[in-house]
Amino acid sequence: MLTLNVEPCPESAPDAAALDSAKAALTYDIKALIGVSAIVNVLAVNGIERSVGKARRVIDRRNVKP
């Protein structure tokens, strides 16, 4: 299962209903387009840490078994 953390644009300032609607649409679109079920977490504006150096876009949290 894919977990995706997203945040709204600071300029848009959507209400809770708009965020829920966007979350549902994003979950559906990911499943429909690439066939992977996703858990979408909508964070607060600026809720995702910004990197200072090299960009870190993917966090691999798989359990690796030898």
C-alpha atoms as a PDB file:
ATOM      1  CA  MET A   1       0.000   0.000   0.000  1.00  0.00           C
ATOM      2  CA  LEU A   2       1.281   3.430  -0.953  1.00  0.00           C
ATOM      3  CA  THR A   3       1.175   6.221   1.638  1.00  0.00           C
ATOM      4  CA  LEU A   4       1.180   9.733   0.238  1.00  0.00           C
ATOM      5  CA  ASN A   5       1.552  12.913   2.310  1.00  0.00           C
ATOM      6  CA  VAL A   6       0.227  16.039   0.619  1.00  0.00           C
ATOM      7  CA  GLU A   7      -0.340  19.645   1.630  1.00  0.00           C
ATOM      8  CA  PRO A   8      -2.549  22.345   0.115  1.00  0.00           C
ATOM      9  CA  CYS A   9      -1.102  25.436  -1.523  1.00  0.00           C
ATOM     10  CA  PRO A  10      -0.848  28.338   0.935  1.00  0.00           C
ATOM     11  CA  GLU A  11      -2.655  30.602  -1.541  1.00  0.00           C
ATOM     12  CA  SER A  12      -5.732  28.383  -1.825  1.00  0.00           C
ATOM     13  CA  ALA A  13      -6.651  28.025   1.887  1.00  0.00           C
ATOM     14  CA  PRO A  14      -9.363  25.400   1.243  1.00  0.00           C
ATOM     15  CA  ASP A  15     -11.977  24.469   3.827  1.00  0.00           C
ATOM     16  CA  ALA A  16     -12.335  20.990   5.346  1.00  0.00           C
ATOM     17  CA  ALA A  17     -14.948  19.878   2.811  1.00  0.00           C
ATOM     18  CA  ALA A  18     -12.712  20.852  -0.108  1.00  0.00           C
ATOM     19  CA  LEU A  19      -9.761  18.995   1.436  1.00  0.00           C
ATOM     20  CA  ASP A  20     -11.866  15.844   1.915  1.00  0.00           C
ATOM     21  CA  SER A  21     -13.085  16.064  -1.662  1.00  0.00           C
ATOM     22  CA  ALA A  22      -9.550  16.512  -3.000  1.00  0.00           C
ATOM     23  CA  LYS A  23      -8.314  13.597  -0.876  1.00  0.00           C
ATOM     24  CA  ALA A  24     -11.032  11.295  -2.229  1.00  0.00           C
ATOM     25  CA  ALA A  25     -10.391  12.394  -5.817  1.00  0.00           C
ATOM     26  CA  LEU A  26      -6.631  11.859  -5.469  1.00  0.00           C
ATOM     27  CA  THR A  27      -7.119   8.405  -3.943  1.00  0.00           C
ATOM     28  CA  TYR A  28      -9.469   7.427  -6.768  1.00  0.00           C
ATOM     29  CA  ASP A  29      -7.231   8.849  -9.516  1.00  0.00           C
ATOM     30  CA  ILE A  30      -4.142   7.013  -8.250  1.00  0.00           C
ATOM     31  CA  LYS A  31      -6.032   3.716  -8.170  1.00  0.00           C
ATOM     32  CA  ALA A  32      -7.604   4.305 -11.591  1.00  0.00           C
ATOM     33  CA  LEU A  33      -4.419   5.455 -13.345  1.00  0.00           C
ATOM     34  CA  ILE A  34      -1.686   3.256 -11.913  1.00  0.00           C
ATOM     35  CA  GLY A  35      -3.685   0.520 -10.178  1.00  0.00           C
ATOM     36  CA  VAL A  36      -2.188   1.014  -6.719  1.00  0.00           C
ATOM     37  CA  SER A  37      -4.276   1.604  -3.611  1.00  0.00           C
ATOM     38  CA  ALA A  38      -3.057   4.638  -1.695  1.00  0.00           C
ATOM     39  CA  ILE A  39      -3.517   6.155   1.725  1.00  0.00           C
ATOM     40  CA  VAL A  40      -3.562   9.923   1.276  1.00  0.00           C
ATOM     41  CA  ASN A  41      -2.709  12.039   4.314  1.00  0.00           C
ATOM     42  CA  VAL A  42      -3.625  15.704   3.944  1.00  0.00           C
ATOM     43  CA  LEU A  43      -1.313  17.751   6.151  1.00  0.00           C
ATOM     44  CA  ALA A  44      -1.523  21.383   7.154  1.00  0.00           C
ATOM     45  CA  VAL A  45      -0.103  24.112   4.943  1.00  0.00           C
ATOM     46  CA  ASN A  46       3.712  23.877   5.170  1.00  0.00           C
ATOM     47  CA  GLY A  47       3.294  20.554   6.989  1.00  0.00           C
ATOM     48  CA  ILE A  48       5.878  18.791   4.841  1.00  0.00           C
ATOM     49  CA  GLU A  49       9.487  19.360   5.821  1.00  0.00           C
ATOM     50  CA  ARG A  50      11.534  21.297   3.281  1.00  0.00           C
ATOM     51  CA  SER A  51      15.025  20.023   2.632  1.00  0.00           C
ATOM     52  CA  VAL A  52      17.991  22.319   3.041  1.00  0.00           C
ATOM     53  CA  GLY A  53      20.447  20.407   0.883  1.00  0.00           C
ATOM     54  CA  LYS A  54      19.877  17.656  -1.616  1.00  0.00           C
ATOM     55  CA  ALA A  55      16.193  16.981  -2.265  1.00  0.00           C
ATOM     56  CA  ARG A  56      14.716  13.966  -0.497  1.00  0.00           C
ATOM     57  CA  ARG A  57      11.531  13.141  -2.346  1.00  0.00           C
ATOM     58  CA  VAL A  58      11.077   9.465  -1.554  1.00  0.00           C
ATOM     59  CA  ILE A  59      11.228   7.799   1.845  1.00  0.00           C
ATOM     60  CA  ASP A  60      11.529   4.008   1.531  1.00  0.00           C
ATOM     61  CA  ARG A  61       9.905   2.406   4.581  1.00  0.00           C
ATOM     62  CA  ARG A  62       9.737  -1.140   3.257  1.00  0.00           C
ATOM     63  CA  ASN A  63      10.829  -3.957   5.527  1.00  0.00           C
ATOM     64  CA  VAL A  64      13.765  -5.540   3.707  1.00  0.00           C
ATOM     65  CA  LYS A  65      14.197  -9.261   4.336  1.00  0.00           C
ATOM     66  CA  PRO A  66      17.461 -10.951   3.326  1.00  0.00           C
END
